[in-house]
Amino acid sequence: MSELWKTFFALGDPNRLTMIRRLAERGPQSMVRLTEGMDFTRQAGARHVGVLRDAGLISLTRKGREQVISLERNNLHLTQMFMKQMEEGWDERLSRLEQILSV
């Protein structure tokens, strides 16, 4: 979890978040298909893919001359577990505060 910040940084960009959604909905895709209709250059798309890969959210495999981009669901699951722990901690704190204030 020490590099969880990379995941949140990666998901904090609307373009990268769109790319993650597309991979979740459509499955593995080429760079061209994944970035179809998005308003940025190929170089910017490659940088976005690099950030997502560095965060462990996607993987790249070569299929002939194309690179296929796949979602790494396990890493998203780890992020979800972290958020759930945070939520439970805050729920507990807020319940205690409610008890204190209602006395």
PDB file of N, CA and C in Angstrom:
ATOM      1  N   MET A   1       0.814  -1.206   0.000  1.00  0.00           N
ATOM      2  CA  MET A   1       0.000   0.000   0.000  1.00  0.00           C
ATOM      3  C   MET A   1       0.855   1.267   0.000  1.00  0.00           C
ATOM      4  N   SER A   2       2.180   1.112   0.098  1.00  0.00           N
ATOM      5  CA  SER A   2       3.037   2.288   0.182  1.00  0.00           C
ATOM      6  C   SER A   2       3.009   3.120  -1.098  1.00  0.00           C
ATOM      7  N   GLU A   3       2.618   2.534  -2.198  1.00  0.00           N
ATOM      8  CA  GLU A   3       2.580   3.276  -3.453  1.00  0.00           C
ATOM      9  C   GLU A   3       1.148   3.558  -3.904  1.00  0.00           C
ATOM     10  N   LEU A   4       0.243   3.547  -2.959  1.00  0.00           N
ATOM     11  CA  LEU A   4      -1.157   3.807  -3.257  1.00  0.00           C
ATOM     12  C   LEU A   4      -1.366   5.205  -3.839  1.00  0.00           C
ATOM     13  N   TRP A   5      -0.497   6.132  -3.467  1.00  0.00           N
ATOM     14  CA  TRP A   5      -0.610   7.496  -3.993  1.00  0.00           C
ATOM     15  C   TRP A   5      -0.549   7.506  -5.516  1.00  0.00           C
ATOM     16  N   LYS A   6       0.219   6.578  -6.115  1.00  0.00           N
ATOM     17  CA  LYS A   6       0.314   6.517  -7.573  1.00  0.00           C
ATOM     18  C   LYS A   6      -1.045   6.183  -8.190  1.00  0.00           C
ATOM     19  N   THR A   7      -1.785   5.320  -7.511  1.00  0.00           N
ATOM     20  CA  THR A   7      -3.115   4.942  -7.998  1.00  0.00           C
ATOM     21  C   THR A   7      -4.044   6.141  -7.967  1.00  0.00           C
ATOM     22  N   PHE A   8      -4.054   6.861  -6.845  1.00  0.00           N
ATOM     23  CA  PHE A   8      -4.941   8.017  -6.740  1.00  0.00           C
ATOM     24  C   PHE A   8      -4.529   9.130  -7.697  1.00  0.00           C
ATOM     25  N   PHE A   9      -3.221   9.302  -7.882  1.00  0.00           N
ATOM     26  CA  PHE A   9      -2.739  10.285  -8.856  1.00  0.00           C
ATOM     27  C   PHE A   9      -3.229   9.909 -10.252  1.00  0.00           C
ATOM     28  N   ALA A  10      -3.090   8.625 -10.594  1.00  0.00           N
ATOM     29  CA  ALA A  10      -3.499   8.157 -11.923  1.00  0.00           C
ATOM     30  C   ALA A  10      -4.994   8.331 -12.138  1.00  0.00           C
ATOM     31  N   LEU A  11      -5.786   8.019 -11.119  1.00  0.00           N
ATOM     32  CA  LEU A  11      -7.242   8.109 -11.254  1.00  0.00           C
ATOM     33  C   LEU A  11      -7.751   9.538 -11.132  1.00  0.00           C
ATOM     34  N   GLY A  12      -6.883  10.458 -10.723  1.00  0.00           N
ATOM     35  CA  GLY A  12      -7.296  11.850 -10.539  1.00  0.00           C
ATOM     36  C   GLY A  12      -7.429  12.634 -11.833  1.00  0.00           C
ATOM     37  N   ASP A  13      -6.993  12.067 -12.932  1.00  0.00           N
ATOM     38  CA  ASP A  13      -7.095  12.749 -14.224  1.00  0.00           C
ATOM     39  C   ASP A  13      -8.318  12.232 -14.976  1.00  0.00           C
ATOM     40  N   PRO A  14      -9.187  13.127 -15.447  1.00  0.00           N
ATOM     41  CA  PRO A  14     -10.415  12.689 -16.141  1.00  0.00           C
ATOM     42  C   PRO A  14     -10.154  11.807 -17.367  1.00  0.00           C
ATOM     43  N   ASN A  15      -9.095  12.106 -18.123  1.00  0.00           N
ATOM     44  CA  ASN A  15      -8.791  11.279 -19.301  1.00  0.00           C
ATOM     45  C   ASN A  15      -8.389   9.868 -18.893  1.00  0.00           C
ATOM     46  N   ARG A  16      -7.548   9.752 -17.882  1.00  0.00           N
ATOM     47  CA  ARG A  16      -7.126   8.427 -17.432  1.00  0.00           C
ATOM     48  C   ARG A  16      -8.301   7.668 -16.819  1.00  0.00           C
ATOM     49  N   LEU A  17      -9.152   8.369 -16.111  1.00  0.00           N
ATOM     50  CA  LEU A  17     -10.329   7.728 -15.536  1.00  0.00           C
ATOM     51  C   LEU A  17     -11.241   7.194 -16.646  1.00  0.00           C
ATOM     52  N   THR A  18     -11.384   7.951 -17.707  1.00  0.00           N
ATOM     53  CA  THR A  18     -12.169   7.500 -18.871  1.00  0.00           C
ATOM     54  C   THR A  18     -11.538   6.248 -19.475  1.00  0.00           C
ATOM     55  N   MET A  19     -10.224   6.229 -19.564  1.00  0.00           N
ATOM     56  CA  MET A  19      -9.531   5.067 -20.118  1.00  0.00           C
ATOM     57  C   MET A  19      -9.784   3.830 -19.249  1.00  0.00           C
ATOM     58  N   ILE A  20      -9.736   3.989 -17.943  1.00  0.00           N
ATOM     59  CA  ILE A  20     -10.000   2.877 -17.022  1.00  0.00           C
ATOM     60  C   ILE A  20     -11.438   2.383 -17.188  1.00  0.00           C
ATOM     61  N   ARG A  21     -12.377   3.323 -17.288  1.00  0.00           N
ATOM     62  CA  ARG A  21     -13.784   2.930 -17.489  1.00  0.00           C
ATOM     63  C   ARG A  21     -13.957   2.132 -18.780  1.00  0.00           C
ATOM     64  N   ARG A  22     -13.333   2.602 -19.841  1.00  0.00           N
ATOM     65  CA  ARG A  22     -13.446   1.902 -21.124  1.00  0.00           C
ATOM     66  C   ARG A  22     -12.873   0.488 -21.032  1.00  0.00           C
ATOM     67  N   LEU A  23     -11.736   0.341 -20.371  1.00  0.00           N
ATOM     68  CA  LEU A  23     -11.151  -0.985 -20.222  1.00  0.00           C
ATOM     69  C   LEU A  23     -12.039  -1.891 -19.384  1.00  0.00           C
ATOM     70  N   ALA A  24     -12.660  -1.325 -18.359  1.00  0.00           N
ATOM     71  CA  ALA A  24     -13.557  -2.112 -17.502  1.00  0.00           C
ATOM     72  C   ALA A  24     -14.796  -2.554 -18.272  1.00  0.00           C
ATOM     73  N   GLU A  25     -15.299  -1.684 -19.125  1.00  0.00           N
ATOM     74  CA  GLU A  25     -16.527  -1.987 -19.870  1.00  0.00           C
ATOM     75  C   GLU A  25     -16.287  -2.840 -21.114  1.00  0.00           C
ATOM     76  N   ARG A  26     -15.178  -2.571 -21.817  1.00  0.00           N
ATOM     77  CA  ARG A  26     -14.951  -3.193 -23.122  1.00  0.00           C
ATOM     78  C   ARG A  26     -13.879  -4.275 -23.132  1.00  0.00           C
ATOM     79  N   GLY A  27     -13.103  -4.378 -22.073  1.00  0.00           N
ATOM     80  CA  GLY A  27     -12.010  -5.343 -22.050  1.00  0.00           C
ATOM     81  C   GLY A  27     -10.757  -4.801 -22.712  1.00  0.00           C
ATOM     82  N   PRO A  28      -9.738  -5.651 -22.910  1.00  0.00           N
ATOM     83  CA  PRO A  28      -8.462  -5.219 -23.489  1.00  0.00           C
ATOM     84  C   PRO A  28      -8.649  -4.554 -24.853  1.00  0.00           C
ATOM     85  N   GLN A  29      -7.835  -3.508 -25.087  1.00  0.00           N
ATOM     86  CA  GLN A  29      -7.956  -2.739 -26.322  1.00  0.00           C
ATOM     87  C   GLN A  29      -6.605  -2.227 -26.779  1.00  0.00           C
ATOM     88  N   SER A  30      -6.535  -1.914 -28.054  1.00  0.00           N
ATOM     89  CA  SER A  30      -5.343  -1.250 -28.591  1.00  0.00           C
ATOM     90  C   SER A  30      -5.376   0.212 -28.160  1.00  0.00           C
ATOM     91  N   MET A  31      -4.245   0.877 -28.257  1.00  0.00           N
ATOM     92  CA  MET A  31      -4.162   2.294 -27.914  1.00  0.00           C
ATOM     93  C   MET A  31      -5.121   3.114 -28.773  1.00  0.00           C
ATOM     94  N   VAL A  32      -5.188   2.805 -30.054  1.00  0.00           N
ATOM     95  CA  VAL A  32      -6.064   3.551 -30.969  1.00  0.00           C
ATOM     96  C   VAL A  32      -7.518   3.436 -30.525  1.00  0.00           C
ATOM     97  N   ARG A  33      -7.951   2.224 -30.233  1.00  0.00           N
ATOM     98  CA  ARG A  33      -9.349   2.021 -29.822  1.00  0.00           C
ATOM     99  C   ARG A  33      -9.620   2.643 -28.450  1.00  0.00           C
ATOM    100  N   LEU A  34      -8.674   2.501 -27.545  1.00  0.00           N
ATOM    101  CA  LEU A  34      -8.854   3.016 -26.193  1.00  0.00           C
ATOM    102  C   LEU A  34      -8.981   4.534 -26.167  1.00  0.00           C
ATOM    103  N   THR A  35      -8.221   5.202 -26.998  1.00  0.00           N
ATOM    104  CA  THR A  35      -8.208   6.671 -26.981  1.00  0.00           C
ATOM    105  C   THR A  35      -9.116   7.290 -28.043  1.00  0.00           C
ATOM    106  N   GLU A  36      -9.878   6.462 -28.727  1.00  0.00           N
ATOM    107  CA  GLU A  36     -10.788   6.927 -29.780  1.00  0.00           C
ATOM    108  C   GLU A  36     -11.731   8.016 -29.249  1.00  0.00           C
ATOM    109  N   GLY A  37     -11.762   9.152 -29.958  1.00  0.00           N
ATOM    110  CA  GLY A  37     -12.666  10.235 -29.597  1.00  0.00           C
ATOM    111  C   GLY A  37     -12.168  11.122 -28.464  1.00  0.00           C
ATOM    112  N   MET A  38     -11.007  10.814 -27.923  1.00  0.00           N
ATOM    113  CA  MET A  38     -10.466  11.637 -26.843  1.00  0.00           C
ATOM    114  C   MET A  38      -9.628  12.747 -27.462  1.00  0.00           C
ATOM    115  N   ASP A  39      -9.660  13.904 -26.848  1.00  0.00           N
ATOM    116  CA  ASP A  39      -9.035  15.093 -27.435  1.00  0.00           C
ATOM    117  C   ASP A  39      -7.616  15.309 -26.915  1.00  0.00           C
ATOM    118  N   PHE A  40      -6.687  14.448 -27.369  1.00  0.00           N
ATOM    119  CA  PHE A  40      -5.277  14.666 -27.087  1.00  0.00           C
ATOM    120  C   PHE A  40      -4.434  13.946 -28.124  1.00  0.00           C
ATOM    121  N   THR A  41      -3.158  14.286 -28.173  1.00  0.00           N
ATOM    122  CA  THR A  41      -2.261  13.697 -29.161  1.00  0.00           C
ATOM    123  C   THR A  41      -1.891  12.273 -28.781  1.00  0.00           C
ATOM    124  N   ARG A  42      -1.277  11.559 -29.737  1.00  0.00           N
ATOM    125  CA  ARG A  42      -0.808  10.202 -29.451  1.00  0.00           C
ATOM    126  C   ARG A  42       0.240  10.212 -28.349  1.00  0.00           C
ATOM    127  N   GLN A  43       1.085  11.242 -28.349  1.00  0.00           N
ATOM    128  CA  GLN A  43       2.113  11.339 -27.312  1.00  0.00           C
ATOM    129  C   GLN A  43       1.484  11.514 -25.936  1.00  0.00           C
ATOM    130  N   ALA A  44       0.453  12.335 -25.853  1.00  0.00           N
ATOM    131  CA  ALA A  44      -0.248  12.524 -24.574  1.00  0.00           C
ATOM    132  C   ALA A  44      -0.924  11.223 -24.155  1.00  0.00           C
ATOM    133  N   GLY A  45      -1.503  10.509 -25.110  1.00  0.00           N
ATOM    134  CA  GLY A  45      -2.126   9.223 -24.817  1.00  0.00           C
ATOM    135  C   GLY A  45      -1.099   8.239 -24.275  1.00  0.00           C
ATOM    136  N   ALA A  46       0.085   8.237 -24.867  1.00  0.00           N
ATOM    137  CA  ALA A  46       1.151   7.346 -24.398  1.00  0.00           C
ATOM    138  C   ALA A  46       1.583   7.723 -22.977  1.00  0.00           C
ATOM    139  N   ARG A  47       1.626   9.011 -22.680  1.00  0.00           N
ATOM    140  CA  ARG A  47       1.971   9.446 -21.311  1.00  0.00           C
ATOM    141  C   ARG A  47       0.906   8.988 -20.317  1.00  0.00           C
ATOM    142  N   HIS A  48      -0.376   9.119 -20.695  1.00  0.00           N
ATOM    143  CA  HIS A  48      -1.458   8.660 -19.823  1.00  0.00           C
ATOM    144  C   HIS A  48      -1.340   7.158 -19.566  1.00  0.00           C
ATOM    145  N   VAL A  49      -1.069   6.404 -20.613  1.00  0.00           N
ATOM    146  CA  VAL A  49      -0.904   4.957 -20.474  1.00  0.00           C
ATOM    147  C   VAL A  49       0.284   4.666 -19.552  1.00  0.00           C
ATOM    148  N   GLY A  50       1.353   5.423 -19.678  1.00  0.00           N
ATOM    149  CA  GLY A  50       2.522   5.239 -18.819  1.00  0.00           C
ATOM    150  C   GLY A  50       2.204   5.464 -17.351  1.00  0.00           C
ATOM    151  N   VAL A  51       1.431   6.493 -17.066  1.00  0.00           N
ATOM    152  CA  VAL A  51       1.043   6.784 -15.683  1.00  0.00           C
ATOM    153  C   VAL A  51       0.178   5.645 -15.136  1.00  0.00           C
ATOM    154  N   LEU A  52      -0.762   5.171 -15.932  1.00  0.00           N
ATOM    155  CA  LEU A  52      -1.626   4.065 -15.497  1.00  0.00           C
ATOM    156  C   LEU A  52      -0.825   2.781 -15.294  1.00  0.00           C
ATOM    157  N   ARG A  53       0.135   2.544 -16.169  1.00  0.00           N
ATOM    158  CA  ARG A  53       0.988   1.355 -16.028  1.00  0.00           C
ATOM    159  C   ARG A  53       1.861   1.460 -14.775  1.00  0.00           C
ATOM    160  N   ASP A  54       2.459   2.630 -14.554  1.00  0.00           N
ATOM    161  CA  ASP A  54       3.308   2.827 -13.374  1.00  0.00           C
ATOM    162  C   ASP A  54       2.523   2.654 -12.074  1.00  0.00           C
ATOM    163  N   ALA A  55       1.235   2.963 -12.121  1.00  0.00           N
ATOM    164  CA  ALA A  55       0.379   2.802 -10.943  1.00  0.00           C
ATOM    165  C   ALA A  55      -0.094   1.356 -10.788  1.00  0.00           C
ATOM    166  N   GLY A  56       0.208   0.519 -11.767  1.00  0.00           N
ATOM    167  CA  GLY A  56      -0.198  -0.887 -11.694  1.00  0.00           C
ATOM    168  C   GLY A  56      -1.651  -1.121 -12.063  1.00  0.00           C
ATOM    169  N   LEU A  57      -2.274  -0.139 -12.710  1.00  0.00           N
ATOM    170  CA  LEU A  57      -3.692  -0.260 -13.050  1.00  0.00           C
ATOM    171  C   LEU A  57      -3.929  -0.941 -14.393  1.00  0.00           C
ATOM    172  N   ILE A  58      -2.905  -0.936 -15.247  1.00  0.00           N
ATOM    173  CA  ILE A  58      -3.020  -1.584 -16.557  1.00  0.00           C
ATOM    174  C   ILE A  58      -1.744  -2.361 -16.845  1.00  0.00           C
ATOM    175  N   SER A  59      -1.840  -3.249 -17.806  1.00  0.00           N
ATOM    176  CA  SER A  59      -0.655  -3.943 -18.311  1.00  0.00           C
ATOM    177  C   SER A  59      -0.682  -3.870 -19.833  1.00  0.00           C
ATOM    178  N   LEU A  60       0.491  -3.984 -20.421  1.00  0.00           N
ATOM    179  CA  LEU A  60       0.633  -3.934 -21.869  1.00  0.00           C
ATOM    180  C   LEU A  60       1.204  -5.253 -22.352  1.00  0.00           C
ATOM    181  N   THR A  61       0.610  -5.783 -23.415  1.00  0.00           N
ATOM    182  CA  THR A  61       1.151  -6.971 -24.061  1.00  0.00           C
ATOM    183  C   THR A  61       1.200  -6.714 -25.556  1.00  0.00           C
ATOM    184  N   ARG A  62       2.152  -7.326 -26.199  1.00  0.00           N
ATOM    185  CA  ARG A  62       2.299  -7.148 -27.634  1.00  0.00           C
ATOM    186  C   ARG A  62       1.522  -8.240 -28.354  1.00  0.00           C
ATOM    187  N   LYS A  63       0.734  -7.818 -29.338  1.00  0.00           N
ATOM    188  CA  LYS A  63      -0.017  -8.748 -30.182  1.00  0.00           C
ATOM    189  C   LYS A  63       0.273  -8.341 -31.622  1.00  0.00           C
ATOM    190  N   GLY A  64       1.238  -9.032 -32.216  1.00  0.00           N
ATOM    191  CA  GLY A  64       1.686  -8.629 -33.544  1.00  0.00           C
ATOM    192  C   GLY A  64       2.387  -7.283 -33.448  1.00  0.00           C
ATOM    193  N   ARG A  65       1.937  -6.318 -34.228  1.00  0.00           N
ATOM    194  CA  ARG A  65       2.535  -4.978 -34.207  1.00  0.00           C
ATOM    195  C   ARG A  65       1.851  -4.050 -33.219  1.00  0.00           C
ATOM    196  N   GLU A  66       0.758  -4.509 -32.631  1.00  0.00           N
ATOM    197  CA  GLU A  66      -0.007  -3.676 -31.704  1.00  0.00           C
ATOM    198  C   GLU A  66       0.312  -3.999 -30.252  1.00  0.00           C
ATOM    199  N   GLN A  67       0.195  -2.969 -29.429  1.00  0.00           N
ATOM    200  CA  GLN A  67       0.221  -3.188 -27.995  1.00  0.00           C
ATOM    201  C   GLN A  67      -1.220  -3.237 -27.512  1.00  0.00           C
ATOM    202  N   VAL A  68      -1.530  -4.265 -26.737  1.00  0.00           N
ATOM    203  CA  VAL A  68      -2.874  -4.405 -26.189  1.00  0.00           C
ATOM    204  C   VAL A  68      -2.819  -3.995 -24.718  1.00  0.00           C
ATOM    205  N   ILE A  69      -3.744  -3.143 -24.350  1.00  0.00           N
ATOM    206  CA  ILE A  69      -3.804  -2.599 -22.991  1.00  0.00           C
ATOM    207  C   ILE A  69      -4.921  -3.320 -22.238  1.00  0.00           C
ATOM    208  N   SER A  70      -4.571  -3.844 -21.067  1.00  0.00           N
ATOM    209  CA  SER A  70      -5.534  -4.584 -20.245  1.00  0.00           C
ATOM    210  C   SER A  70      -5.618  -3.975 -18.856  1.00  0.00           C
ATOM    211  N   LEU A  71      -6.783  -4.047 -18.275  1.00  0.00           N
ATOM    212  CA  LEU A  71      -7.013  -3.561 -16.925  1.00  0.00           C
ATOM    213  C   LEU A  71      -6.501  -4.575 -15.910  1.00  0.00           C
ATOM    214  N   GLU A  72      -5.824  -4.108 -14.883  1.00  0.00           N
ATOM    215  CA  GLU A  72      -5.362  -4.957 -13.781  1.00  0.00           C
ATOM    216  C   GLU A  72      -6.352  -4.795 -12.629  1.00  0.00           C
ATOM    217  N   ARG A  73      -7.390  -5.598 -12.649  1.00  0.00           N
ATOM    218  CA  ARG A  73      -8.485  -5.459 -11.686  1.00  0.00           C
ATOM    219  C   ARG A  73      -8.049  -5.676 -10.246  1.00  0.00           C
ATOM    220  N   ASN A  74      -7.051  -6.524 -10.023  1.00  0.00           N
ATOM    221  CA  ASN A  74      -6.612  -6.788  -8.660  1.00  0.00           C
ATOM    222  C   ASN A  74      -6.128  -5.502  -7.980  1.00  0.00           C
ATOM    223  N   ASN A  75      -5.403  -4.678  -8.713  1.00  0.00           N
ATOM    224  CA  ASN A  75      -4.911  -3.425  -8.129  1.00  0.00           C
ATOM    225  C   ASN A  75      -6.050  -2.445  -7.849  1.00  0.00           C
ATOM    226  N   LEU A  76      -7.067  -2.452  -8.668  1.00  0.00           N
ATOM    227  CA  LEU A  76      -8.238  -1.628  -8.380  1.00  0.00           C
ATOM    228  C   LEU A  76      -8.947  -2.141  -7.140  1.00  0.00           C
ATOM    229  N   HIS A  77      -8.964  -3.462  -6.978  1.00  0.00           N
ATOM    230  CA  HIS A  77      -9.593  -4.058  -5.799  1.00  0.00           C
ATOM    231  C   HIS A  77      -8.852  -3.634  -4.523  1.00  0.00           C
ATOM    232  N   LEU A  78      -7.521  -3.575  -4.567  1.00  0.00           N
ATOM    233  CA  LEU A  78      -6.744  -3.135  -3.409  1.00  0.00           C
ATOM    234  C   LEU A  78      -7.085  -1.688  -3.047  1.00  0.00           C
ATOM    235  N   THR A  79      -7.271  -0.871  -4.053  1.00  0.00           N
ATOM    236  CA  THR A  79      -7.652   0.523  -3.818  1.00  0.00           C
ATOM    237  C   THR A  79      -9.038   0.593  -3.192  1.00  0.00           C
ATOM    238  N   GLN A  80      -9.938  -0.222  -3.682  1.00  0.00           N
ATOM    239  CA  GLN A  80     -11.299  -0.268  -3.132  1.00  0.00           C
ATOM    240  C   GLN A  80     -11.269  -0.717  -1.672  1.00  0.00           C
ATOM    241  N   MET A  81     -10.442  -1.700  -1.353  1.00  0.00           N
ATOM    242  CA  MET A  81     -10.330  -2.165   0.031  1.00  0.00           C
ATOM    243  C   MET A  81      -9.799  -1.040   0.934  1.00  0.00           C
ATOM    244  N   PHE A  82      -8.820  -0.301   0.455  1.00  0.00           N
ATOM    245  CA  PHE A  82      -8.283   0.821   1.230  1.00  0.00           C
ATOM    246  C   PHE A  82      -9.364   1.856   1.501  1.00  0.00           C
ATOM    247  N   MET A  83     -10.132   2.192   0.476  1.00  0.00           N
ATOM    248  CA  MET A  83     -11.195   3.180   0.637  1.00  0.00           C
ATOM    249  C   MET A  83     -12.260   2.688   1.618  1.00  0.00           C
ATOM    250  N   LYS A  84     -12.558   1.404   1.583  1.00  0.00           N
ATOM    251  CA  LYS A  84     -13.538   0.834   2.512  1.00  0.00           C
ATOM    252  C   LYS A  84     -13.030   0.937   3.951  1.00  0.00           C
ATOM    253  N   GLN A  85     -11.759   0.660   4.172  1.00  0.00           N
ATOM    254  CA  GLN A  85     -11.180   0.806   5.506  1.00  0.00           C
ATOM    255  C   GLN A  85     -11.270   2.253   5.986  1.00  0.00           C
ATOM    256  N   MET A  86     -10.985   3.173   5.098  1.00  0.00           N
ATOM    257  CA  MET A  86     -11.073   4.599   5.454  1.00  0.00           C
ATOM    258  C   MET A  86     -12.511   4.968   5.808  1.00  0.00           C
ATOM    259  N   GLU A  87     -13.443   4.492   5.019  1.00  0.00           N
ATOM    260  CA  GLU A  87     -14.863   4.775   5.258  1.00  0.00           C
ATOM    261  C   GLU A  87     -15.312   4.223   6.606  1.00  0.00           C
ATOM    262  N   GLU A  88     -14.916   2.991   6.900  1.00  0.00           N
ATOM    263  CA  GLU A  88     -15.297   2.379   8.178  1.00  0.00           C
ATOM    264  C   GLU A  88     -14.712   3.159   9.353  1.00  0.00           C
ATOM    265  N   GLY A  89     -13.473   3.606   9.218  1.00  0.00           N
ATOM    266  CA  GLY A  89     -12.850   4.401  10.274  1.00  0.00           C
ATOM    267  C   GLY A  89     -13.592   5.701  10.518  1.00  0.00           C
ATOM    268  N   TRP A  90     -13.974   6.370   9.437  1.00  0.00           N
ATOM    269  CA  TRP A  90     -14.708   7.634   9.590  1.00  0.00           C
ATOM    270  C   TRP A  90     -16.108   7.397  10.145  1.00  0.00           C
ATOM    271  N   ASP A  91     -16.760   6.322   9.712  1.00  0.00           N
ATOM    272  CA  ASP A  91     -18.085   5.992  10.250  1.00  0.00           C
ATOM    273  C   ASP A  91     -18.003   5.795  11.763  1.00  0.00           C
ATOM    274  N   GLU A  92     -16.973   5.092  12.203  1.00  0.00           N
ATOM    275  CA  GLU A  92     -16.792   4.848  13.633  1.00  0.00           C
ATOM    276  C   GLU A  92     -16.561   6.161  14.393  1.00  0.00           C
ATOM    277  N   ARG A  93     -15.710   7.003  13.854  1.00  0.00           N
ATOM    278  CA  ARG A  93     -15.429   8.297  14.499  1.00  0.00           C
ATOM    279  C   ARG A  93     -16.677   9.178  14.568  1.00  0.00           C
ATOM    280  N   LEU A  94     -17.429   9.199  13.487  1.00  0.00           N
ATOM    281  CA  LEU A  94     -18.642  10.021  13.463  1.00  0.00           C
ATOM    282  C   LEU A  94     -19.697   9.485  14.433  1.00  0.00           C
ATOM    283  N   SER A  95     -19.780   8.170  14.562  1.00  0.00           N
ATOM    284  CA  SER A  95     -20.716   7.585  15.531  1.00  0.00           C
ATOM    285  C   SER A  95     -20.336   7.981  16.952  1.00  0.00           C
ATOM    286  N   ARG A  96     -19.051   7.941  17.254  1.00  0.00           N
ATOM    287  CA  ARG A  96     -18.594   8.347  18.585  1.00  0.00           C
ATOM    288  C   ARG A  96     -18.882   9.830  18.830  1.00  0.00           C
ATOM    289  N   LEU A  97     -18.673  10.656  17.817  1.00  0.00           N
ATOM    290  CA  LEU A  97     -18.951  12.089  17.946  1.00  0.00           C
ATOM    291  C   LEU A  97     -20.430  12.318  18.187  1.00  0.00           C
ATOM    292  N   GLU A  98     -21.275  11.581  17.455  1.00  0.00           N
ATOM    293  CA  GLU A  98     -22.740  11.699  17.670  1.00  0.00           C
ATOM    294  C   GLU A  98     -23.106  11.353  19.095  1.00  0.00           C
ATOM    295  N   GLN A  99     -22.507  10.300  19.638  1.00  0.00           N
ATOM    296  CA  GLN A  99     -22.783   9.894  21.023  1.00  0.00           C
ATOM    297  C   GLN A  99     -22.347  10.984  22.001  1.00  0.00           C
ATOM    298  N   ILE A 100     -21.213  11.561  21.772  1.00  0.00           N
ATOM    299  CA  ILE A 100     -20.706  12.624  22.657  1.00  0.00           C
ATOM    300  C   ILE A 100     -21.610  13.840  22.595  1.00  0.00           C
ATOM    301  N   LEU A 101     -22.034  14.220  21.404  1.00  0.00           N
ATOM    302  CA  LEU A 101     -22.844  15.417  21.252  1.00  0.00           C
ATOM    303  C   LEU A 101     -24.286  15.226  21.732  1.00  0.00           C
ATOM    304  N   SER A 102     -24.755  13.993  21.740  1.00  0.00           N
ATOM    305  CA  SER A 102     -26.143  13.755  22.163  1.00  0.00           C
ATOM    306  C   SER A 102     -26.291  13.644  23.685  1.00  0.00           C
ATOM    307  N   VAL A 103     -25.192  13.658  24.384  1.00  0.00           N
ATOM    308  CA  VAL A 103     -25.235  13.539  25.864  1.00  0.00           C
ATOM    309  C   VAL A 103     -25.607  14.859  26.478  1.00  0.00           C
TER     310      VAL A 103
END
